[in-house]
PDB file of all heavy atoms in Angstrom:
ATOM      1  N   HIS A   1      -3.323 -68.946 126.237  1.00  0.00           N
ATOM      2  CA  HIS A   1      -2.473 -69.894 125.492  1.00  0.00           C
ATOM      3  C   HIS A   1      -3.046 -70.500 124.274  1.00  0.00           C
ATOM      4  O   HIS A   1      -2.250 -70.770 123.249  1.00  0.00           O
ATOM      5  CB  HIS A   1      -1.937 -71.035 126.488  1.00  0.00           C
ATOM      6  CG  HIS A   1      -1.062 -70.499 127.618  1.00  0.00           C
ATOM      7  ND1 HIS A   1      -1.755 -70.196 128.847  1.00  0.00           N
ATOM      8  CD2 HIS A   1       0.233 -70.203 127.710  1.00  0.00           C
ATOM      9  CE1 HIS A   1      -0.778 -69.760 129.638  1.00  0.00           C
ATOM     10  NE2 HIS A   1       0.426 -69.713 129.031  1.00  0.00           N
ATOM     11  N   ALA A   2      -4.279 -70.764 124.332  1.00  0.00           N
ATOM     12  CA  ALA A   2      -5.099 -71.297 123.171  1.00  0.00           C
ATOM     13  C   ALA A   2      -5.087 -70.314 121.927  1.00  0.00           C
ATOM     14  O   ALA A   2      -5.383 -70.924 120.905  1.00  0.00           O
ATOM     15  CB  ALA A   2      -6.343 -71.859 123.530  1.00  0.00           C
ATOM     16  N   LEU A   3      -4.862 -69.093 122.182  1.00  0.00           N
ATOM     17  CA  LEU A   3      -4.885 -68.198 121.019  1.00  0.00           C
ATOM     18  C   LEU A   3      -3.577 -68.429 120.106  1.00  0.00           C
ATOM     19  O   LEU A   3      -3.777 -67.869 118.999  1.00  0.00           O
ATOM     20  CB  LEU A   3      -4.873 -66.793 121.482  1.00  0.00           C
ATOM     21  CG  LEU A   3      -6.047 -66.275 122.539  1.00  0.00           C
ATOM     22  CD1 LEU A   3      -5.958 -64.867 122.799  1.00  0.00           C
ATOM     23  CD2 LEU A   3      -7.255 -66.748 122.012  1.00  0.00           C
ATOM     24  N   PHE A   4      -2.714 -68.992 120.599  1.00  0.00           N
ATOM     25  CA  PHE A   4      -1.389 -69.299 119.887  1.00  0.00           C
ATOM     26  C   PHE A   4      -1.291 -70.820 119.746  1.00  0.00           C
ATOM     27  O   PHE A   4      -2.054 -71.585 120.228  1.00  0.00           O
ATOM     28  CB  PHE A   4      -0.272 -68.621 120.677  1.00  0.00           C
ATOM     29  CG  PHE A   4      -0.374 -67.161 120.875  1.00  0.00           C
ATOM     30  CD1 PHE A   4      -1.089 -66.750 122.073  1.00  0.00           C
ATOM     31  CD2 PHE A   4       0.066 -66.318 119.977  1.00  0.00           C
ATOM     32  CE1 PHE A   4      -1.177 -65.339 122.126  1.00  0.00           C
ATOM     33  CE2 PHE A   4      -0.088 -64.939 120.243  1.00  0.00           C
ATOM     34  CZ  PHE A   4      -0.758 -64.395 121.304  1.00  0.00           C
ATOM     35  N   ALA A   5      -0.328 -71.247 118.978  1.00  0.00           N
ATOM     36  CA  ALA A   5      -0.028 -72.647 118.682  1.00  0.00           C
ATOM     37  C   ALA A   5       0.509 -73.430 119.925  1.00  0.00           C
ATOM     38  O   ALA A   5       1.696 -73.727 119.887  1.00  0.00           O
ATOM     39  CB  ALA A   5       0.737 -72.777 117.425  1.00  0.00           C
ATOM     40  N   GLU A   6      -0.335 -73.677 120.841  1.00  0.00           N
ATOM     41  CA  GLU A   6       0.217 -74.403 122.099  1.00  0.00           C
ATOM     42  C   GLU A   6      -0.674 -75.396 122.431  1.00  0.00           C
ATOM     43  O   GLU A   6      -1.923 -75.514 121.893  1.00  0.00           O
ATOM     44  CB  GLU A   6       0.279 -73.345 123.172  1.00  0.00           C
ATOM     45  CG  GLU A   6       1.326 -72.317 122.864  1.00  0.00           C
ATOM     46  CD  GLU A   6       1.664 -71.476 124.147  1.00  0.00           C
ATOM     47  OE1 GLU A   6       0.886 -70.475 124.372  1.00  0.00           O
ATOM     48  OE2 GLU A   6       2.703 -71.774 124.791  1.00  0.00           O
ATOM     49  N   GLY A   7      -0.317 -76.241 123.481  1.00  0.00           N
ATOM     50  CA  GLY A   7      -1.251 -77.207 123.933  1.00  0.00           C
ATOM     51  C   GLY A   7      -0.646 -78.611 124.084  1.00  0.00           C
ATOM     52  O   GLY A   7       0.498 -78.710 123.645  1.00  0.00           O
ATOM     53  N   ARG A   8      -1.461 -79.537 124.685  1.00  0.00           N
ATOM     54  CA  ARG A   8      -0.826 -80.889 124.719  1.00  0.00           C
ATOM     55  C   ARG A   8      -0.569 -81.398 123.345  1.00  0.00           C
ATOM     56  O   ARG A   8      -1.342 -81.204 122.391  1.00  0.00           O
ATOM     57  CB  ARG A   8      -1.824 -81.845 125.520  1.00  0.00           C
ATOM     58  CG  ARG A   8      -1.743 -81.540 127.031  1.00  0.00           C
ATOM     59  CD  ARG A   8      -2.490 -82.627 127.708  1.00  0.00           C
ATOM     60  NE  ARG A   8      -2.446 -82.440 129.111  1.00  0.00           N
ATOM     61  CZ  ARG A   8      -3.505 -81.973 129.858  1.00  0.00           C
ATOM     62  NH1 ARG A   8      -4.547 -81.527 129.227  1.00  0.00           N
ATOM     63  NH2 ARG A   8      -3.252 -81.718 131.190  1.00  0.00           N
ATOM     64  N   GLY A   9       0.410 -82.322 123.238  1.00  0.00           N
ATOM     65  CA  GLY A   9       0.895 -82.900 121.979  1.00  0.00           C
ATOM     66  C   GLY A   9       1.765 -82.103 121.176  1.00  0.00           C
ATOM     67  O   GLY A   9       2.307 -82.402 120.086  1.00  0.00           O
ATOM     68  N   ARG A  10       2.018 -80.800 121.581  1.00  0.00           N
ATOM     69  CA  ARG A  10       2.889 -79.708 120.972  1.00  0.00           C
ATOM     70  C   ARG A  10       4.135 -79.547 122.006  1.00  0.00           C
ATOM     71  O   ARG A  10       3.884 -79.229 123.075  1.00  0.00           O
ATOM     72  CB  ARG A  10       2.184 -78.451 120.594  1.00  0.00           C
ATOM     73  CG  ARG A  10       1.049 -78.586 119.709  1.00  0.00           C
ATOM     74  CD  ARG A  10       0.382 -77.217 119.478  1.00  0.00           C
ATOM     75  NE  ARG A  10      -0.694 -77.198 118.555  1.00  0.00           N
ATOM     76  CZ  ARG A  10      -0.667 -77.100 117.139  1.00  0.00           C
ATOM     77  NH1 ARG A  10       0.537 -77.074 116.745  1.00  0.00           N
ATOM     78  NH2 ARG A  10      -1.655 -77.214 116.494  1.00  0.00           N
ATOM     79  N   PRO A  11       5.296 -79.746 121.334  1.00  0.00           N
ATOM     80  CA  PRO A  11       6.397 -79.498 122.312  1.00  0.00           C
ATOM     81  C   PRO A  11       6.490 -78.069 122.679  1.00  0.00           C
ATOM     82  O   PRO A  11       6.297 -77.089 121.899  1.00  0.00           O
ATOM     83  CB  PRO A  11       7.638 -79.856 121.364  1.00  0.00           C
ATOM     84  CG  PRO A  11       7.143 -79.766 119.990  1.00  0.00           C
ATOM     85  CD  PRO A  11       5.602 -80.084 120.147  1.00  0.00           C
ATOM     86  N   ARG A  12       6.854 -77.852 123.940  1.00  0.00           N
ATOM     87  CA  ARG A  12       6.975 -76.452 124.509  1.00  0.00           C
ATOM     88  C   ARG A  12       8.412 -76.176 124.856  1.00  0.00           C
ATOM     89  O   ARG A  12       9.021 -76.922 125.346  1.00  0.00           O
ATOM     90  CB  ARG A  12       6.011 -76.335 125.685  1.00  0.00           C
ATOM     91  CG  ARG A  12       4.589 -76.318 125.514  1.00  0.00           C
ATOM     92  CD  ARG A  12       3.821 -75.850 126.717  1.00  0.00           C
ATOM     93  NE  ARG A  12       3.414 -74.477 126.557  1.00  0.00           N
ATOM     94  CZ  ARG A  12       3.731 -73.481 127.508  1.00  0.00           C
ATOM     95  NH1 ARG A  12       4.371 -73.790 128.600  1.00  0.00           N
ATOM     96  NH2 ARG A  12       3.163 -72.210 127.240  1.00  0.00           N
ATOM     97  N   ASP A  13       8.826 -74.937 124.415  1.00  0.00           N
ATOM     98  CA  ASP A  13      10.140 -74.453 124.698  1.00  0.00           C
ATOM     99  C   ASP A  13      10.265 -74.431 126.200  1.00  0.00           C
ATOM    100  O   ASP A  13       9.275 -73.899 126.966  1.00  0.00           O
ATOM    101  CB  ASP A  13      10.407 -73.221 124.058  1.00  0.00           C
ATOM    102  CG  ASP A  13      11.894 -72.795 124.183  1.00  0.00           C
ATOM    103  OD1 ASP A  13      12.206 -72.200 125.259  1.00  0.00           O
ATOM    104  OD2 ASP A  13      12.740 -73.111 123.297  1.00  0.00           O
ATOM    105  N   PRO A  14      11.271 -74.658 126.923  1.00  0.00           N
ATOM    106  CA  PRO A  14      11.421 -74.352 128.348  1.00  0.00           C
ATOM    107  C   PRO A  14      11.194 -72.955 128.731  1.00  0.00           C
ATOM    108  O   PRO A  14      10.761 -72.665 129.935  1.00  0.00           O
ATOM    109  CB  PRO A  14      12.947 -74.729 128.725  1.00  0.00           C
ATOM    110  CG  PRO A  14      13.330 -75.759 127.632  1.00  0.00           C
ATOM    111  CD  PRO A  14      12.729 -75.323 126.368  1.00  0.00           C
ATOM    112  N   SER A  15      11.274 -72.050 127.751  1.00  0.00           N
ATOM    113  CA  SER A  15      10.920 -70.597 128.074  1.00  0.00           C
ATOM    114  C   SER A  15       9.675 -70.233 127.528  1.00  0.00           C
ATOM    115  O   SER A  15       9.294 -68.967 127.565  1.00  0.00           O
ATOM    116  CB  SER A  15      12.035 -69.672 127.479  1.00  0.00           C
ATOM    117  OG  SER A  15      13.293 -69.898 128.087  1.00  0.00           O
ATOM    118  N   ALA A  16       8.829 -71.180 127.214  1.00  0.00           N
ATOM    119  CA  ALA A  16       7.320 -70.683 126.862  1.00  0.00           C
ATOM    120  C   ALA A  16       6.679 -70.232 128.036  1.00  0.00           C
ATOM    121  O   ALA A  16       6.777 -70.647 129.224  1.00  0.00           O
ATOM    122  CB  ALA A  16       6.721 -71.942 126.371  1.00  0.00           C
ATOM    123  N   TRP A  17       5.757 -69.232 127.765  1.00  0.00           N
ATOM    124  CA  TRP A  17       5.149 -68.470 128.790  1.00  0.00           C
ATOM    125  C   TRP A  17       4.137 -69.260 129.658  1.00  0.00           C
ATOM    126  O   TRP A  17       3.544 -70.178 129.157  1.00  0.00           O
ATOM    127  CB  TRP A  17       4.426 -67.298 128.202  1.00  0.00           C
ATOM    128  CG  TRP A  17       3.272 -67.566 127.327  1.00  0.00           C
ATOM    129  CD1 TRP A  17       3.110 -68.583 126.392  1.00  0.00           C
ATOM    130  CD2 TRP A  17       2.091 -66.765 126.961  1.00  0.00           C
ATOM    131  NE1 TRP A  17       2.008 -68.633 125.629  1.00  0.00           N
ATOM    132  CE2 TRP A  17       1.322 -67.471 126.006  1.00  0.00           C
ATOM    133  CE3 TRP A  17       1.602 -65.611 127.521  1.00  0.00           C
ATOM    134  CZ2 TRP A  17       0.195 -66.777 125.642  1.00  0.00           C
ATOM    135  CZ3 TRP A  17       0.343 -64.909 127.059  1.00  0.00           C
ATOM    136  CH2 TRP A  17      -0.237 -65.571 126.074  1.00  0.00           C
ATOM    137  N   GLY A  18       4.234 -69.066 131.007  1.00  0.00           N
ATOM    138  CA  GLY A  18       3.235 -69.615 132.008  1.00  0.00           C
ATOM    139  C   GLY A  18       2.011 -68.725 132.106  1.00  0.00           C
ATOM    140  O   GLY A  18       1.803 -67.763 131.469  1.00  0.00           O
ATOM    141  N   SER A  19       1.230 -69.139 133.116  1.00  0.00           N
ATOM    142  CA  SER A  19      -0.086 -68.448 133.283  1.00  0.00           C
ATOM    143  C   SER A  19       0.186 -67.059 133.926  1.00  0.00           C
ATOM    144  O   SER A  19      -0.602 -66.129 133.595  1.00  0.00           O
ATOM    145  CB  SER A  19      -0.939 -69.320 134.289  1.00  0.00           C
ATOM    146  OG  SER A  19      -1.437 -70.404 133.668  1.00  0.00           O
ATOM    147  N   ILE A  20       1.159 -66.866 134.741  1.00  0.00           N
ATOM    148  CA  ILE A  20       1.288 -65.441 135.122  1.00  0.00           C
ATOM    149  C   ILE A  20       1.641 -64.469 134.115  1.00  0.00           C
ATOM    150  O   ILE A  20       1.161 -63.437 134.066  1.00  0.00           O
ATOM    151  CB  ILE A  20       2.463 -65.354 136.295  1.00  0.00           C
ATOM    152  CG1 ILE A  20       2.033 -66.004 137.659  1.00  0.00           C
ATOM    153  CG2 ILE A  20       2.896 -63.946 136.599  1.00  0.00           C
ATOM    154  CD1 ILE A  20       2.966 -66.147 138.669  1.00  0.00           C
ATOM    155  N   ALA A  21       2.414 -64.899 133.061  1.00  0.00           N
ATOM    156  CA  ALA A  21       2.767 -64.089 131.981  1.00  0.00           C
ATOM    157  C   ALA A  21       1.506 -63.934 131.127  1.00  0.00           C
ATOM    158  O   ALA A  21       1.313 -62.833 130.548  1.00  0.00           O
ATOM    159  CB  ALA A  21       3.868 -64.732 131.056  1.00  0.00           C
ATOM    160  N   ALA A  22       0.581 -64.917 131.066  1.00  0.00           N
ATOM    161  CA  ALA A  22      -0.622 -64.800 130.326  1.00  0.00           C
ATOM    162  C   ALA A  22      -1.503 -63.646 130.952  1.00  0.00           C
ATOM    163  O   ALA A  22      -2.162 -62.855 130.377  1.00  0.00           O
ATOM    164  CB  ALA A  22      -1.343 -66.053 130.238  1.00  0.00           C
ATOM    165  N   TRP A  23      -1.609 -63.709 132.443  1.00  0.00           N
ATOM    166  CA  TRP A  23      -2.456 -62.702 133.042  1.00  0.00           C
ATOM    167  C   TRP A  23      -1.831 -61.403 132.861  1.00  0.00           C
ATOM    168  O   TRP A  23      -2.659 -60.397 132.708  1.00  0.00           O
ATOM    169  CB  TRP A  23      -2.502 -63.125 134.593  1.00  0.00           C
ATOM    170  CG  TRP A  23      -3.168 -64.471 134.784  1.00  0.00           C
ATOM    171  CD1 TRP A  23      -4.171 -65.137 134.115  1.00  0.00           C
ATOM    172  CD2 TRP A  23      -2.796 -65.425 135.786  1.00  0.00           C
ATOM    173  NE1 TRP A  23      -4.380 -66.312 134.674  1.00  0.00           N
ATOM    174  CE2 TRP A  23      -3.576 -66.586 135.621  1.00  0.00           C
ATOM    175  CE3 TRP A  23      -1.817 -65.382 136.904  1.00  0.00           C
ATOM    176  CZ2 TRP A  23      -3.454 -67.676 136.507  1.00  0.00           C
ATOM    177  CZ3 TRP A  23      -1.773 -66.445 137.747  1.00  0.00           C
ATOM    178  CH2 TRP A  23      -2.555 -67.544 137.659  1.00  0.00           C
ATOM    179  N   ALA A  24      -0.478 -61.213 132.868  1.00  0.00           N
ATOM    180  CA  ALA A  24       0.127 -59.926 132.694  1.00  0.00           C
ATOM    181  C   ALA A  24      -0.219 -59.588 131.206  1.00  0.00           C
ATOM    182  O   ALA A  24      -0.493 -58.216 131.096  1.00  0.00           O
ATOM    183  CB  ALA A  24       1.642 -60.080 132.960  1.00  0.00           C
ATOM    184  N   TRP A  25      -0.050 -60.392 130.403  1.00  0.00           N
ATOM    185  CA  TRP A  25      -0.489 -60.015 128.972  1.00  0.00           C
ATOM    186  C   TRP A  25      -1.960 -59.409 128.864  1.00  0.00           C
ATOM    187  O   TRP A  25      -2.304 -58.554 128.189  1.00  0.00           O
ATOM    188  CB  TRP A  25      -0.217 -61.200 128.082  1.00  0.00           C
ATOM    189  CG  TRP A  25      -0.714 -61.142 126.524  1.00  0.00           C
ATOM    190  CD1 TRP A  25       0.086 -60.579 125.494  1.00  0.00           C
ATOM    191  CD2 TRP A  25      -1.922 -61.484 126.112  1.00  0.00           C
ATOM    192  NE1 TRP A  25      -0.674 -60.719 124.444  1.00  0.00           N
ATOM    193  CE2 TRP A  25      -1.972 -61.156 124.796  1.00  0.00           C
ATOM    194  CE3 TRP A  25      -3.125 -62.067 126.533  1.00  0.00           C
ATOM    195  CZ2 TRP A  25      -2.980 -61.523 123.829  1.00  0.00           C
ATOM    196  CZ3 TRP A  25      -4.272 -62.420 125.713  1.00  0.00           C
ATOM    197  CH2 TRP A  25      -4.206 -62.079 124.478  1.00  0.00           C
ATOM    198  N   GLY A  26      -2.778 -60.158 129.569  1.00  0.00           N
ATOM    199  CA  GLY A  26      -4.228 -59.770 129.660  1.00  0.00           C
ATOM    200  C   GLY A  26      -4.466 -58.343 130.188  1.00  0.00           C
ATOM    201  O   GLY A  26      -5.180 -57.452 129.721  1.00  0.00           O
ATOM    202  N   LEU A  27      -3.580 -58.051 131.404  1.00  0.00           N
ATOM    203  CA  LEU A  27      -3.636 -56.657 131.687  1.00  0.00           C
ATOM    204  C   LEU A  27      -3.354 -55.599 130.824  1.00  0.00           C
ATOM    205  O   LEU A  27      -3.900 -54.435 130.607  1.00  0.00           O
ATOM    206  CB  LEU A  27      -2.760 -56.525 133.001  1.00  0.00           C
ATOM    207  CG  LEU A  27      -3.221 -57.200 134.273  1.00  0.00           C
ATOM    208  CD1 LEU A  27      -2.128 -57.427 135.299  1.00  0.00           C
ATOM    209  CD2 LEU A  27      -4.311 -56.329 134.880  1.00  0.00           C
ATOM    210  N   SER A  28      -2.271 -55.968 129.954  1.00  0.00           N
ATOM    211  CA  SER A  28      -1.928 -54.987 128.902  1.00  0.00           C
ATOM    212  C   SER A  28      -3.073 -54.835 127.805  1.00  0.00           C
ATOM    213  O   SER A  28      -3.245 -53.806 127.231  1.00  0.00           O
ATOM    214  CB  SER A  28      -0.642 -55.457 128.254  1.00  0.00           C
ATOM    215  OG  SER A  28       0.448 -55.221 129.038  1.00  0.00           O
TER     216      SER A  28
END
């Protein structure tokens, strides 16, 4: 998530990716 413009203090869309999506992205 830190590779992109995310984190505390930044508003997240309700559809922003969670950790399972991040792990799946890493598999790819």
